[in-house]
Amino acid sequence: MRSGDRYNTALVCHRWRFLACHPRLWLRVDRSLKEISEPGVFPSIEEAISAARPGDTILIAAGGSHLASNIQIRKPLCLIGGGELPDETTLFCLRGSDSALEFLSTCKLMNLTVKAELGCCLLHRSGRLIIDECILQCETNPLDYLSCPIISTAGSGVFPSKLKSHGDSVSVSHTRIEGGAKAVLTKGDLALQRVRVIYARTYLYFWFDVDCK
């Protein structure tokens, strides 16, 4: 490759990195604001996801709980908690909902807590789902055997083939998982692999993949 071509390629990559990584260009969710007039700021996660374009990053403000029930994500997005620690930004799924978030596209979650009363925190239908430094909690109750922090149905035929994609997987790293019958339940073609657990003083931290058998 000639030097001019290398320079142009590097310039384009730098611009794309700026667009993807600069916080001022992210969408934001801030439920504390009563009147939201600033572009790119939304009162709820569902509204932010609806307005987002493929590849956008959504920064969710810390403090309090953000309601998230059966929210479908059909485009590549990154959702990031705005606190210093994941337990400062909580997504809460009410009883009666199947899941807090339902993924039909490649997505990434970082620095978030997702709580479910009954059901699952995250429902993975298709795409690559990356969960990094999060907390997934299913609340303890007599029916917690029906709960599961992560459920993957990729490859099960639940959705039409046009919504499926090659490379369906779930990747979990440095994440606390609490409650439920098991950490992850697979109902499709994927299987739990490469499991690693670190026992901290009060919590368990998980690293694992859910990938093709």
N, C-alpha and C. Protein backbone atom coordinates (compact mmCIF):
# COMPACT_ATOMS: atom_id res chain seq x y z
N MET A 1 0.84 -1.19 0.00
CA MET A 1 0.00 0.00 0.00
C MET A 1 0.88 1.24 0.00
N ARG A 2 0.55 2.19 -0.88
CA ARG A 2 1.32 3.42 -0.95
C ARG A 2 1.08 4.27 0.29
N SER A 3 2.04 5.18 0.56
CA SER A 3 1.95 5.99 1.77
C SER A 3 0.69 6.84 1.79
N GLY A 4 0.29 7.39 0.61
CA GLY A 4 -0.93 8.19 0.56
C GLY A 4 -2.16 7.38 0.91
N ASP A 5 -2.21 6.13 0.42
CA ASP A 5 -3.33 5.25 0.73
C ASP A 5 -3.36 4.92 2.21
N ARG A 6 -2.18 4.66 2.78
CA ARG A 6 -2.12 4.36 4.21
C ARG A 6 -2.61 5.55 5.03
N TYR A 7 -2.22 6.76 4.60
CA TYR A 7 -2.63 7.96 5.33
C TYR A 7 -4.16 8.13 5.27
N ASN A 8 -4.73 7.96 4.09
CA ASN A 8 -6.18 8.11 3.94
C ASN A 8 -6.94 7.07 4.76
N THR A 9 -6.41 5.84 4.76
CA THR A 9 -7.05 4.78 5.55
C THR A 9 -6.99 5.12 7.03
N ALA A 10 -5.82 5.57 7.50
CA ALA A 10 -5.68 5.94 8.91
C ALA A 10 -6.59 7.10 9.27
N LEU A 11 -6.75 8.05 8.35
CA LEU A 11 -7.59 9.21 8.61
C LEU A 11 -9.05 8.78 8.77
N VAL A 12 -9.51 7.91 7.88
CA VAL A 12 -10.88 7.42 7.97
C VAL A 12 -11.09 6.65 9.27
N CYS A 13 -10.14 5.78 9.63
CA CYS A 13 -10.25 5.01 10.87
C CYS A 13 -10.28 5.93 12.08
N HIS A 14 -9.48 6.98 12.06
CA HIS A 14 -9.45 7.93 13.18
C HIS A 14 -10.81 8.61 13.33
N ARG A 15 -11.41 8.97 12.20
CA ARG A 15 -12.72 9.63 12.25
C ARG A 15 -13.79 8.68 12.78
N TRP A 16 -13.75 7.44 12.34
CA TRP A 16 -14.73 6.47 12.83
C TRP A 16 -14.54 6.24 14.32
N ARG A 17 -13.30 6.19 14.77
CA ARG A 17 -13.05 6.00 16.19
C ARG A 17 -13.58 7.19 16.99
N PHE A 18 -13.40 8.39 16.45
CA PHE A 18 -13.91 9.59 17.11
C PHE A 18 -15.43 9.52 17.23
N LEU A 19 -16.11 9.13 16.14
CA LEU A 19 -17.56 9.05 16.15
C LEU A 19 -18.07 8.00 17.13
N ALA A 20 -17.33 6.91 17.25
CA ALA A 20 -17.78 5.81 18.11
C ALA A 20 -17.46 6.04 19.57
N CYS A 21 -16.40 6.79 19.87
CA CYS A 21 -15.88 6.85 21.23
C CYS A 21 -16.07 8.19 21.93
N HIS A 22 -16.38 9.25 21.21
CA HIS A 22 -16.47 10.55 21.86
C HIS A 22 -17.78 10.67 22.63
N PRO A 23 -17.72 10.87 23.98
CA PRO A 23 -18.94 10.90 24.79
C PRO A 23 -19.96 11.94 24.36
N ARG A 24 -19.52 13.05 23.79
CA ARG A 24 -20.47 14.09 23.39
C ARG A 24 -21.37 13.64 22.24
N LEU A 25 -20.95 12.60 21.54
CA LEU A 25 -21.73 12.10 20.42
C LEU A 25 -22.61 10.92 20.81
N TRP A 26 -22.55 10.51 22.08
CA TRP A 26 -23.39 9.42 22.55
C TRP A 26 -24.80 9.91 22.82
N LEU A 27 -25.77 9.01 22.74
CA LEU A 27 -27.10 9.28 23.25
C LEU A 27 -27.08 9.08 24.77
N ARG A 28 -27.92 9.83 25.48
CA ARG A 28 -27.94 9.72 26.94
C ARG A 28 -29.35 9.49 27.44
N VAL A 29 -29.44 8.72 28.53
CA VAL A 29 -30.71 8.50 29.22
C VAL A 29 -30.58 9.10 30.61
N ASP A 30 -31.46 10.06 30.92
CA ASP A 30 -31.43 10.72 32.23
C ASP A 30 -32.87 10.92 32.70
N ARG A 31 -33.33 10.05 33.57
CA ARG A 31 -34.72 10.10 34.03
C ARG A 31 -34.97 11.22 35.03
N SER A 32 -33.91 11.85 35.54
CA SER A 32 -34.08 12.91 36.54
C SER A 32 -34.47 14.25 35.92
N LEU A 33 -34.26 14.39 34.61
CA LEU A 33 -34.59 15.65 33.95
C LEU A 33 -36.08 15.70 33.64
N LYS A 34 -36.76 16.75 34.13
CA LYS A 34 -38.20 16.89 33.91
C LYS A 34 -38.48 17.40 32.50
N GLU A 35 -37.70 18.37 32.06
CA GLU A 35 -37.86 18.90 30.72
C GLU A 35 -36.56 18.66 29.94
N ILE A 36 -36.67 17.84 28.93
CA ILE A 36 -35.49 17.48 28.15
C ILE A 36 -35.56 18.16 26.79
N SER A 37 -34.73 19.16 26.62
CA SER A 37 -34.70 19.89 25.35
C SER A 37 -33.39 19.68 24.61
N GLU A 38 -32.42 19.09 25.30
CA GLU A 38 -31.11 18.88 24.68
C GLU A 38 -31.18 17.71 23.71
N PRO A 39 -30.69 17.89 22.49
CA PRO A 39 -30.70 16.79 21.52
C PRO A 39 -29.90 15.59 22.02
N GLY A 40 -30.42 14.40 21.78
CA GLY A 40 -29.70 13.20 22.15
C GLY A 40 -29.89 12.76 23.58
N VAL A 41 -30.76 13.44 24.35
CA VAL A 41 -31.03 13.07 25.74
C VAL A 41 -32.47 12.59 25.85
N PHE A 42 -32.69 11.45 26.50
CA PHE A 42 -34.01 10.84 26.56
C PHE A 42 -34.37 10.47 28.00
N PRO A 43 -35.67 10.46 28.33
CA PRO A 43 -36.08 10.13 29.70
C PRO A 43 -36.13 8.63 29.99
N SER A 44 -36.11 7.80 28.95
CA SER A 44 -36.20 6.36 29.17
C SER A 44 -35.28 5.61 28.21
N ILE A 45 -34.93 4.40 28.61
CA ILE A 45 -34.08 3.55 27.78
C ILE A 45 -34.79 3.18 26.48
N GLU A 46 -36.07 2.89 26.58
CA GLU A 46 -36.82 2.48 25.40
C GLU A 46 -36.83 3.57 24.33
N GLU A 47 -37.01 4.83 24.75
CA GLU A 47 -37.01 5.94 23.80
C GLU A 47 -35.63 6.13 23.17
N ALA A 48 -34.58 5.97 23.98
CA ALA A 48 -33.23 6.13 23.45
C ALA A 48 -32.91 5.04 22.43
N ILE A 49 -33.31 3.81 22.72
CA ILE A 49 -33.06 2.70 21.79
C ILE A 49 -33.84 2.90 20.49
N SER A 50 -35.07 3.38 20.61
CA SER A 50 -35.89 3.62 19.42
C SER A 50 -35.27 4.69 18.52
N ALA A 51 -34.68 5.72 19.14
CA ALA A 51 -34.10 6.83 18.36
C ALA A 51 -32.69 6.54 17.86
N ALA A 52 -32.04 5.55 18.45
CA ALA A 52 -30.63 5.27 18.11
C ALA A 52 -30.49 4.73 16.69
N ARG A 53 -29.32 4.99 16.13
CA ARG A 53 -28.97 4.43 14.84
C ARG A 53 -27.99 3.27 15.05
N PRO A 54 -27.91 2.35 14.11
CA PRO A 54 -26.98 1.23 14.26
C PRO A 54 -25.56 1.72 14.56
N GLY A 55 -24.96 1.15 15.59
CA GLY A 55 -23.61 1.52 15.98
C GLY A 55 -23.54 2.58 17.06
N ASP A 56 -24.69 3.15 17.46
CA ASP A 56 -24.69 4.19 18.49
C ASP A 56 -24.35 3.63 19.87
N THR A 57 -23.83 4.51 20.72
CA THR A 57 -23.60 4.21 22.13
C THR A 57 -24.60 4.99 22.97
N ILE A 58 -25.22 4.32 23.94
CA ILE A 58 -26.19 4.95 24.83
C ILE A 58 -25.62 4.94 26.24
N LEU A 59 -25.45 6.12 26.82
CA LEU A 59 -24.94 6.27 28.18
C LEU A 59 -26.14 6.44 29.12
N ILE A 60 -26.29 5.54 30.08
CA ILE A 60 -27.43 5.56 30.99
C ILE A 60 -26.99 6.16 32.31
N ALA A 61 -27.65 7.24 32.73
CA ALA A 61 -27.24 7.99 33.91
C ALA A 61 -27.33 7.13 35.17
N ALA A 62 -26.39 7.34 36.07
CA ALA A 62 -26.37 6.63 37.34
C ALA A 62 -27.42 7.22 38.28
N GLY A 63 -27.80 6.44 39.29
CA GLY A 63 -28.75 6.90 40.29
C GLY A 63 -30.16 6.42 40.00
N GLY A 64 -30.80 5.78 40.99
CA GLY A 64 -32.16 5.30 40.81
C GLY A 64 -32.22 4.09 39.89
N SER A 65 -33.46 3.69 39.58
CA SER A 65 -33.67 2.54 38.71
C SER A 65 -34.36 2.97 37.43
N HIS A 66 -33.91 2.41 36.33
CA HIS A 66 -34.51 2.65 35.02
C HIS A 66 -35.37 1.44 34.67
N LEU A 67 -36.65 1.65 34.39
CA LEU A 67 -37.52 0.54 34.04
C LEU A 67 -37.14 0.00 32.66
N ALA A 68 -37.06 -1.32 32.58
CA ALA A 68 -36.74 -1.98 31.31
C ALA A 68 -37.48 -3.31 31.27
N SER A 69 -38.54 -3.38 30.50
CA SER A 69 -39.36 -4.59 30.41
C SER A 69 -39.65 -4.92 28.96
N ASN A 70 -39.18 -6.07 28.53
CA ASN A 70 -39.43 -6.57 27.16
C ASN A 70 -39.01 -5.57 26.09
N ILE A 71 -37.88 -4.90 26.29
CA ILE A 71 -37.38 -3.96 25.29
C ILE A 71 -36.57 -4.73 24.25
N GLN A 72 -37.01 -4.70 23.01
CA GLN A 72 -36.32 -5.39 21.93
C GLN A 72 -35.25 -4.49 21.31
N ILE A 73 -34.08 -5.06 21.09
CA ILE A 73 -32.99 -4.35 20.42
C ILE A 73 -32.69 -5.07 19.12
N ARG A 74 -32.99 -4.40 18.00
CA ARG A 74 -32.87 -5.00 16.67
C ARG A 74 -31.75 -4.38 15.84
N LYS A 75 -30.87 -3.59 16.47
CA LYS A 75 -29.76 -2.96 15.74
C LYS A 75 -28.54 -2.97 16.64
N PRO A 76 -27.34 -2.96 16.06
CA PRO A 76 -26.12 -2.99 16.87
C PRO A 76 -26.00 -1.74 17.74
N LEU A 77 -25.92 -1.93 19.05
CA LEU A 77 -25.81 -0.82 20.00
C LEU A 77 -24.87 -1.19 21.12
N CYS A 78 -24.41 -0.16 21.83
CA CYS A 78 -23.62 -0.34 23.04
C CYS A 78 -24.31 0.43 24.16
N LEU A 79 -24.64 -0.24 25.26
CA LEU A 79 -25.28 0.39 26.41
C LEU A 79 -24.29 0.41 27.56
N ILE A 80 -24.03 1.60 28.11
CA ILE A 80 -23.02 1.77 29.14
C ILE A 80 -23.63 2.47 30.35
N GLY A 81 -23.34 1.96 31.55
CA GLY A 81 -23.78 2.62 32.77
C GLY A 81 -22.91 3.83 33.07
N GLY A 82 -23.53 4.90 33.56
CA GLY A 82 -22.81 6.15 33.77
C GLY A 82 -22.13 6.29 35.11
N GLY A 83 -22.26 5.30 36.00
CA GLY A 83 -21.62 5.38 37.31
C GLY A 83 -20.20 4.85 37.28
N GLU A 84 -19.51 5.03 38.42
CA GLU A 84 -18.16 4.48 38.52
C GLU A 84 -18.19 2.97 38.66
N LEU A 85 -19.27 2.44 39.26
CA LEU A 85 -19.42 1.01 39.46
C LEU A 85 -20.75 0.56 38.84
N PRO A 86 -20.86 -0.71 38.47
CA PRO A 86 -22.09 -1.17 37.82
C PRO A 86 -23.34 -1.05 38.69
N ASP A 87 -23.21 -1.16 40.02
CA ASP A 87 -24.41 -1.09 40.86
C ASP A 87 -24.94 0.33 41.03
N GLU A 88 -24.31 1.31 40.39
CA GLU A 88 -24.80 2.68 40.44
C GLU A 88 -25.81 2.96 39.32
N THR A 89 -25.92 2.04 38.36
CA THR A 89 -26.86 2.21 37.24
C THR A 89 -27.65 0.91 37.11
N THR A 90 -28.95 0.96 37.46
CA THR A 90 -29.76 -0.25 37.53
C THR A 90 -30.91 -0.22 36.53
N LEU A 91 -31.04 -1.31 35.79
CA LEU A 91 -32.20 -1.54 34.93
C LEU A 91 -33.08 -2.55 35.63
N PHE A 92 -34.35 -2.20 35.85
CA PHE A 92 -35.24 -3.06 36.64
C PHE A 92 -36.37 -3.58 35.77
N CYS A 93 -36.54 -4.91 35.79
CA CYS A 93 -37.58 -5.57 35.01
C CYS A 93 -38.69 -6.03 35.95
N LEU A 94 -39.92 -5.54 35.73
CA LEU A 94 -41.04 -5.85 36.60
C LEU A 94 -41.54 -7.28 36.39
N ARG A 95 -42.17 -7.81 37.43
CA ARG A 95 -42.78 -9.13 37.34
C ARG A 95 -43.85 -9.14 36.24
N GLY A 96 -43.92 -10.24 35.52
CA GLY A 96 -44.86 -10.33 34.41
C GLY A 96 -44.22 -10.11 33.06
N SER A 97 -42.98 -9.65 33.06
CA SER A 97 -42.24 -9.44 31.81
C SER A 97 -41.34 -10.64 31.54
N ASP A 98 -41.13 -10.96 30.28
CA ASP A 98 -40.26 -12.08 29.94
C ASP A 98 -38.80 -11.75 30.22
N SER A 99 -38.41 -10.50 29.97
CA SER A 99 -37.01 -10.10 30.17
C SER A 99 -36.93 -8.59 30.25
N ALA A 100 -35.79 -8.11 30.71
CA ALA A 100 -35.54 -6.66 30.68
C ALA A 100 -35.21 -6.24 29.26
N LEU A 101 -34.23 -6.92 28.66
CA LEU A 101 -33.79 -6.60 27.30
C LEU A 101 -33.81 -7.87 26.46
N GLU A 102 -34.26 -7.74 25.22
CA GLU A 102 -34.30 -8.86 24.28
C GLU A 102 -33.45 -8.49 23.07
N PHE A 103 -32.46 -9.31 22.77
CA PHE A 103 -31.47 -8.97 21.75
C PHE A 103 -31.69 -9.78 20.47
N LEU A 104 -31.87 -9.04 19.37
CA LEU A 104 -31.96 -9.65 18.05
C LEU A 104 -30.88 -9.11 17.13
N SER A 105 -29.84 -8.54 17.72
CA SER A 105 -28.72 -7.99 16.96
C SER A 105 -27.49 -7.99 17.85
N THR A 106 -26.35 -7.74 17.25
CA THR A 106 -25.11 -7.65 18.01
C THR A 106 -25.14 -6.44 18.93
N CYS A 107 -24.84 -6.65 20.22
CA CYS A 107 -24.89 -5.57 21.20
C CYS A 107 -23.85 -5.80 22.29
N LYS A 108 -23.55 -4.71 23.00
CA LYS A 108 -22.62 -4.78 24.11
C LYS A 108 -23.20 -4.04 25.31
N LEU A 109 -23.10 -4.66 26.50
CA LEU A 109 -23.50 -4.04 27.76
C LEU A 109 -22.27 -3.89 28.63
N MET A 110 -22.11 -2.71 29.23
CA MET A 110 -20.96 -2.46 30.10
C MET A 110 -21.40 -1.68 31.33
N ASN A 111 -20.87 -2.07 32.49
CA ASN A 111 -21.00 -1.29 33.72
C ASN A 111 -22.46 -1.06 34.12
N LEU A 112 -23.29 -2.10 33.98
CA LEU A 112 -24.71 -2.00 34.29
C LEU A 112 -25.14 -3.09 35.26
N THR A 113 -26.17 -2.79 36.06
CA THR A 113 -26.87 -3.80 36.85
C THR A 113 -28.24 -4.02 36.23
N VAL A 114 -28.59 -5.28 36.00
CA VAL A 114 -29.91 -5.62 35.47
C VAL A 114 -30.58 -6.55 36.47
N LYS A 115 -31.76 -6.13 36.98
CA LYS A 115 -32.50 -6.92 37.97
C LYS A 115 -33.83 -7.36 37.38
N ALA A 116 -34.21 -8.60 37.68
CA ALA A 116 -35.50 -9.13 37.24
C ALA A 116 -36.22 -9.75 38.43
N GLU A 117 -37.52 -9.43 38.57
CA GLU A 117 -38.31 -10.02 39.66
C GLU A 117 -38.62 -11.48 39.37
N LEU A 118 -39.02 -11.75 38.15
CA LEU A 118 -39.35 -13.11 37.74
C LEU A 118 -39.21 -13.18 36.23
N GLY A 119 -38.49 -14.17 35.75
CA GLY A 119 -38.18 -14.23 34.33
C GLY A 119 -36.69 -14.19 34.14
N CYS A 120 -36.21 -13.48 33.13
CA CYS A 120 -34.77 -13.40 32.91
C CYS A 120 -34.34 -11.95 32.74
N CYS A 121 -33.09 -11.70 33.02
CA CYS A 121 -32.54 -10.35 32.84
C CYS A 121 -32.34 -10.06 31.36
N LEU A 122 -31.68 -10.98 30.67
CA LEU A 122 -31.32 -10.77 29.26
C LEU A 122 -31.77 -11.96 28.43
N LEU A 123 -32.51 -11.70 27.36
CA LEU A 123 -32.98 -12.74 26.45
C LEU A 123 -32.27 -12.57 25.11
N HIS A 124 -31.43 -13.54 24.78
CA HIS A 124 -30.61 -13.48 23.57
C HIS A 124 -31.26 -14.31 22.47
N ARG A 125 -31.70 -13.64 21.41
CA ARG A 125 -32.33 -14.32 20.28
C ARG A 125 -31.35 -14.57 19.14
N SER A 126 -30.54 -13.56 18.82
CA SER A 126 -29.58 -13.70 17.73
C SER A 126 -28.54 -12.59 17.83
N GLY A 127 -27.45 -12.75 17.07
CA GLY A 127 -26.36 -11.77 17.11
C GLY A 127 -25.34 -12.11 18.18
N ARG A 128 -24.32 -11.27 18.27
CA ARG A 128 -23.27 -11.43 19.28
C ARG A 128 -23.56 -10.49 20.44
N LEU A 129 -23.75 -11.05 21.61
CA LEU A 129 -24.02 -10.27 22.82
C LEU A 129 -22.79 -10.31 23.71
N ILE A 130 -22.26 -9.13 24.05
CA ILE A 130 -21.08 -9.02 24.91
C ILE A 130 -21.51 -8.35 26.21
N ILE A 131 -21.22 -9.00 27.34
CA ILE A 131 -21.57 -8.48 28.67
C ILE A 131 -20.28 -8.33 29.45
N ASP A 132 -19.93 -7.09 29.78
CA ASP A 132 -18.63 -6.82 30.40
C ASP A 132 -18.81 -5.99 31.67
N GLU A 133 -18.30 -6.52 32.78
CA GLU A 133 -18.32 -5.81 34.06
C GLU A 133 -19.73 -5.35 34.44
N CYS A 134 -20.65 -6.30 34.44
CA CYS A 134 -22.04 -6.02 34.80
C CYS A 134 -22.44 -6.84 36.03
N ILE A 135 -23.66 -6.58 36.51
CA ILE A 135 -24.27 -7.37 37.58
C ILE A 135 -25.64 -7.82 37.08
N LEU A 136 -25.89 -9.11 37.10
CA LEU A 136 -27.18 -9.66 36.70
C LEU A 136 -27.80 -10.34 37.91
N GLN A 137 -29.01 -9.89 38.29
CA GLN A 137 -29.64 -10.38 39.51
C GLN A 137 -31.07 -10.82 39.25
N CYS A 138 -31.39 -12.05 39.63
CA CYS A 138 -32.77 -12.51 39.68
C CYS A 138 -33.17 -12.54 41.15
N GLU A 139 -34.21 -11.79 41.51
CA GLU A 139 -34.59 -11.68 42.91
C GLU A 139 -35.06 -13.02 43.46
N THR A 140 -34.70 -13.29 44.71
CA THR A 140 -35.05 -14.55 45.36
C THR A 140 -36.54 -14.57 45.70
N ASN A 141 -37.22 -15.63 45.29
CA ASN A 141 -38.63 -15.84 45.63
C ASN A 141 -38.93 -17.32 45.46
N PRO A 142 -40.11 -17.77 45.92
CA PRO A 142 -40.43 -19.21 45.83
C PRO A 142 -40.44 -19.77 44.41
N LEU A 143 -40.53 -18.89 43.41
CA LEU A 143 -40.56 -19.34 42.02
C LEU A 143 -39.26 -19.05 41.29
N ASP A 144 -38.18 -18.89 42.06
CA ASP A 144 -36.93 -18.52 41.40
C ASP A 144 -36.37 -19.63 40.51
N TYR A 145 -36.94 -20.84 40.62
CA TYR A 145 -36.51 -21.89 39.69
C TYR A 145 -36.98 -21.60 38.26
N LEU A 146 -37.92 -20.66 38.12
CA LEU A 146 -38.36 -20.23 36.80
C LEU A 146 -37.53 -19.09 36.25
N SER A 147 -36.63 -18.56 37.08
CA SER A 147 -35.84 -17.40 36.69
C SER A 147 -34.46 -17.83 36.20
N CYS A 148 -33.89 -17.02 35.35
CA CYS A 148 -32.54 -17.28 34.85
C CYS A 148 -31.95 -15.95 34.37
N PRO A 149 -30.79 -15.56 34.85
CA PRO A 149 -30.22 -14.27 34.43
C PRO A 149 -30.07 -14.12 32.92
N ILE A 150 -29.59 -15.17 32.24
CA ILE A 150 -29.40 -15.12 30.79
C ILE A 150 -30.08 -16.33 30.15
N ILE A 151 -30.90 -16.07 29.14
CA ILE A 151 -31.48 -17.14 28.34
C ILE A 151 -31.12 -16.89 26.88
N SER A 152 -30.61 -17.92 26.22
CA SER A 152 -30.29 -17.83 24.79
C SER A 152 -31.14 -18.83 24.02
N THR A 153 -31.88 -18.32 23.03
CA THR A 153 -32.68 -19.18 22.15
C THR A 153 -32.14 -19.17 20.73
N ALA A 154 -30.93 -18.67 20.54
CA ALA A 154 -30.35 -18.55 19.20
C ALA A 154 -30.32 -19.92 18.51
N GLY A 155 -30.85 -19.98 17.30
CA GLY A 155 -30.85 -21.22 16.55
C GLY A 155 -32.00 -22.15 16.86
N SER A 156 -32.95 -21.70 17.68
CA SER A 156 -34.05 -22.57 18.07
C SER A 156 -35.20 -22.56 17.08
N GLY A 157 -35.16 -21.62 16.11
CA GLY A 157 -36.25 -21.53 15.15
C GLY A 157 -37.43 -20.74 15.65
N VAL A 158 -37.27 -20.02 16.77
CA VAL A 158 -38.36 -19.23 17.32
C VAL A 158 -38.71 -18.08 16.40
N PHE A 159 -37.68 -17.49 15.76
CA PHE A 159 -37.89 -16.37 14.86
C PHE A 159 -37.61 -16.79 13.42
N PRO A 160 -38.20 -16.08 12.44
CA PRO A 160 -37.93 -16.40 11.03
C PRO A 160 -36.45 -16.33 10.72
N SER A 161 -36.03 -17.08 9.70
CA SER A 161 -34.61 -17.18 9.38
C SER A 161 -34.00 -15.84 9.00
N LYS A 162 -34.81 -14.89 8.47
CA LYS A 162 -34.25 -13.61 8.06
C LYS A 162 -33.73 -12.81 9.25
N LEU A 163 -34.18 -13.16 10.47
CA LEU A 163 -33.70 -12.46 11.65
C LEU A 163 -32.50 -13.15 12.27
N LYS A 164 -32.17 -14.32 11.78
CA LYS A 164 -31.01 -15.02 12.31
C LYS A 164 -29.75 -14.55 11.62
N SER A 165 -28.64 -14.72 12.28
CA SER A 165 -27.38 -14.35 11.64
C SER A 165 -26.31 -15.34 12.05
N HIS A 166 -25.31 -15.47 11.19
CA HIS A 166 -24.20 -16.33 11.51
C HIS A 166 -23.38 -15.69 12.62
N GLY A 167 -22.78 -16.52 13.46
CA GLY A 167 -21.94 -16.00 14.52
C GLY A 167 -22.70 -15.61 15.76
N ASP A 168 -23.89 -16.19 15.99
CA ASP A 168 -24.62 -15.93 17.22
C ASP A 168 -23.79 -16.42 18.41
N SER A 169 -23.69 -15.59 19.45
CA SER A 169 -22.92 -15.99 20.62
C SER A 169 -23.19 -15.03 21.77
N VAL A 170 -22.82 -15.46 22.96
CA VAL A 170 -22.85 -14.61 24.16
C VAL A 170 -21.49 -14.70 24.81
N SER A 171 -20.91 -13.56 25.14
CA SER A 171 -19.61 -13.52 25.82
C SER A 171 -19.76 -12.73 27.11
N VAL A 172 -19.42 -13.35 28.23
CA VAL A 172 -19.56 -12.73 29.55
C VAL A 172 -18.19 -12.62 30.19
N SER A 173 -17.85 -11.44 30.70
CA SER A 173 -16.56 -11.26 31.37
C SER A 173 -16.73 -10.39 32.61
N HIS A 174 -16.04 -10.79 33.68
CA HIS A 174 -15.98 -10.03 34.94
C HIS A 174 -17.37 -9.54 35.36
N THR A 175 -18.31 -10.48 35.41
CA THR A 175 -19.71 -10.14 35.70
C THR A 175 -20.22 -10.94 36.89
N ARG A 176 -20.89 -10.25 37.82
CA ARG A 176 -21.55 -10.90 38.95
C ARG A 176 -22.91 -11.41 38.51
N ILE A 177 -23.19 -12.67 38.84
CA ILE A 177 -24.49 -13.27 38.50
C ILE A 177 -25.07 -13.86 39.77
N GLU A 178 -26.30 -13.44 40.10
CA GLU A 178 -26.91 -13.83 41.37
C GLU A 178 -28.35 -14.26 41.15
N GLY A 179 -28.77 -15.34 41.85
CA GLY A 179 -30.15 -15.78 41.81
C GLY A 179 -30.47 -16.61 40.58
N GLY A 180 -31.71 -17.11 40.57
CA GLY A 180 -32.15 -17.91 39.44
C GLY A 180 -31.72 -19.36 39.54
N ALA A 181 -32.28 -20.18 38.66
CA ALA A 181 -31.98 -21.60 38.68
C ALA A 181 -30.56 -21.89 38.24
N LYS A 182 -30.06 -21.14 37.26
CA LYS A 182 -28.69 -21.29 36.76
C LYS A 182 -28.28 -19.98 36.12
N ALA A 183 -26.98 -19.82 35.90
CA ALA A 183 -26.48 -18.55 35.35
C ALA A 183 -26.97 -18.31 33.94
N VAL A 184 -27.01 -19.36 33.13
CA VAL A 184 -27.43 -19.21 31.74
C VAL A 184 -28.18 -20.47 31.31
N LEU A 185 -29.24 -20.26 30.55
CA LEU A 185 -30.04 -21.36 30.02
C LEU A 185 -30.05 -21.26 28.50
N THR A 186 -29.69 -22.34 27.83
CA THR A 186 -29.68 -22.35 26.36
C THR A 186 -30.82 -23.22 25.85
N LYS A 187 -31.57 -22.67 24.89
CA LYS A 187 -32.70 -23.39 24.30
C LYS A 187 -32.56 -23.54 22.79
N GLY A 188 -31.38 -23.27 22.28
CA GLY A 188 -31.16 -23.34 20.84
C GLY A 188 -29.95 -24.18 20.50
N ASP A 189 -29.14 -23.69 19.56
CA ASP A 189 -27.98 -24.44 19.06
C ASP A 189 -26.70 -24.13 19.83
N LEU A 190 -26.74 -23.21 20.76
CA LEU A 190 -25.52 -22.79 21.46
C LEU A 190 -25.35 -23.57 22.76
N ALA A 191 -24.11 -23.60 23.24
CA ALA A 191 -23.80 -24.32 24.48
C ALA A 191 -22.81 -23.51 25.31
N LEU A 192 -22.87 -23.71 26.61
CA LEU A 192 -21.98 -23.02 27.54
C LEU A 192 -20.56 -23.56 27.40
N GLN A 193 -19.57 -22.66 27.29
CA GLN A 193 -18.18 -23.07 27.08
C GLN A 193 -17.23 -22.15 27.85
N ARG A 194 -16.03 -22.67 28.09
CA ARG A 194 -14.91 -21.89 28.64
C ARG A 194 -15.31 -21.11 29.90
N VAL A 195 -15.83 -21.83 30.86
CA VAL A 195 -16.32 -21.19 32.10
C VAL A 195 -15.17 -20.97 33.07
N ARG A 196 -15.13 -19.77 33.63
CA ARG A 196 -14.16 -19.45 34.69
C ARG A 196 -14.86 -18.63 35.76
N VAL A 197 -14.65 -18.99 37.01
CA VAL A 197 -15.31 -18.31 38.12
C VAL A 197 -14.27 -17.90 39.15
N ILE A 198 -14.37 -16.67 39.62
CA ILE A 198 -13.51 -16.20 40.70
C ILE A 198 -14.37 -15.98 41.94
N TYR A 199 -13.98 -16.60 43.04
CA TYR A 199 -14.71 -16.47 44.29
C TYR A 199 -14.14 -15.29 45.07
N ALA A 200 -14.87 -14.19 45.10
CA ALA A 200 -14.47 -13.05 45.92
C ALA A 200 -15.02 -13.26 47.33
N ARG A 201 -14.80 -12.29 48.20
CA ARG A 201 -15.21 -12.46 49.59
C ARG A 201 -16.72 -12.62 49.72
N THR A 202 -17.48 -11.88 48.95
CA THR A 202 -18.95 -11.92 49.07
C THR A 202 -19.66 -12.23 47.75
N TYR A 203 -18.94 -12.25 46.64
CA TYR A 203 -19.59 -12.42 45.34
C TYR A 203 -18.83 -13.42 44.48
N LEU A 204 -19.52 -13.90 43.44
CA LEU A 204 -18.90 -14.72 42.42
C LEU A 204 -18.83 -13.92 41.13
N TYR A 205 -17.67 -13.94 40.49
CA TYR A 205 -17.50 -13.25 39.21
C TYR A 205 -17.29 -14.28 38.11
N PHE A 206 -18.02 -14.12 37.02
CA PHE A 206 -18.05 -15.12 35.96
C PHE A 206 -17.40 -14.62 34.68
N TRP A 207 -16.72 -15.55 34.02
CA TRP A 207 -16.25 -15.39 32.64
C TRP A 207 -16.71 -16.64 31.89
N PHE A 208 -17.44 -16.50 30.81
CA PHE A 208 -17.79 -17.67 30.01
C PHE A 208 -18.30 -17.23 28.64
N ASP A 209 -18.40 -18.20 27.74
CA ASP A 209 -18.94 -17.98 26.40
C ASP A 209 -20.10 -18.93 26.17
N VAL A 210 -21.07 -18.48 25.41
CA VAL A 210 -22.14 -19.34 24.91
C VAL A 210 -22.00 -19.31 23.40
N ASP A 211 -21.58 -20.45 22.85
CA ASP A 211 -21.20 -20.46 21.44
C ASP A 211 -21.67 -21.76 20.79
N CYS A 212 -21.35 -21.92 19.52
CA CYS A 212 -21.76 -23.12 18.78
C CYS A 212 -21.19 -24.37 19.44
N LYS A 213 -21.98 -25.43 19.45
CA LYS A 213 -21.55 -26.67 20.08
C LYS A 213 -20.43 -27.31 19.28
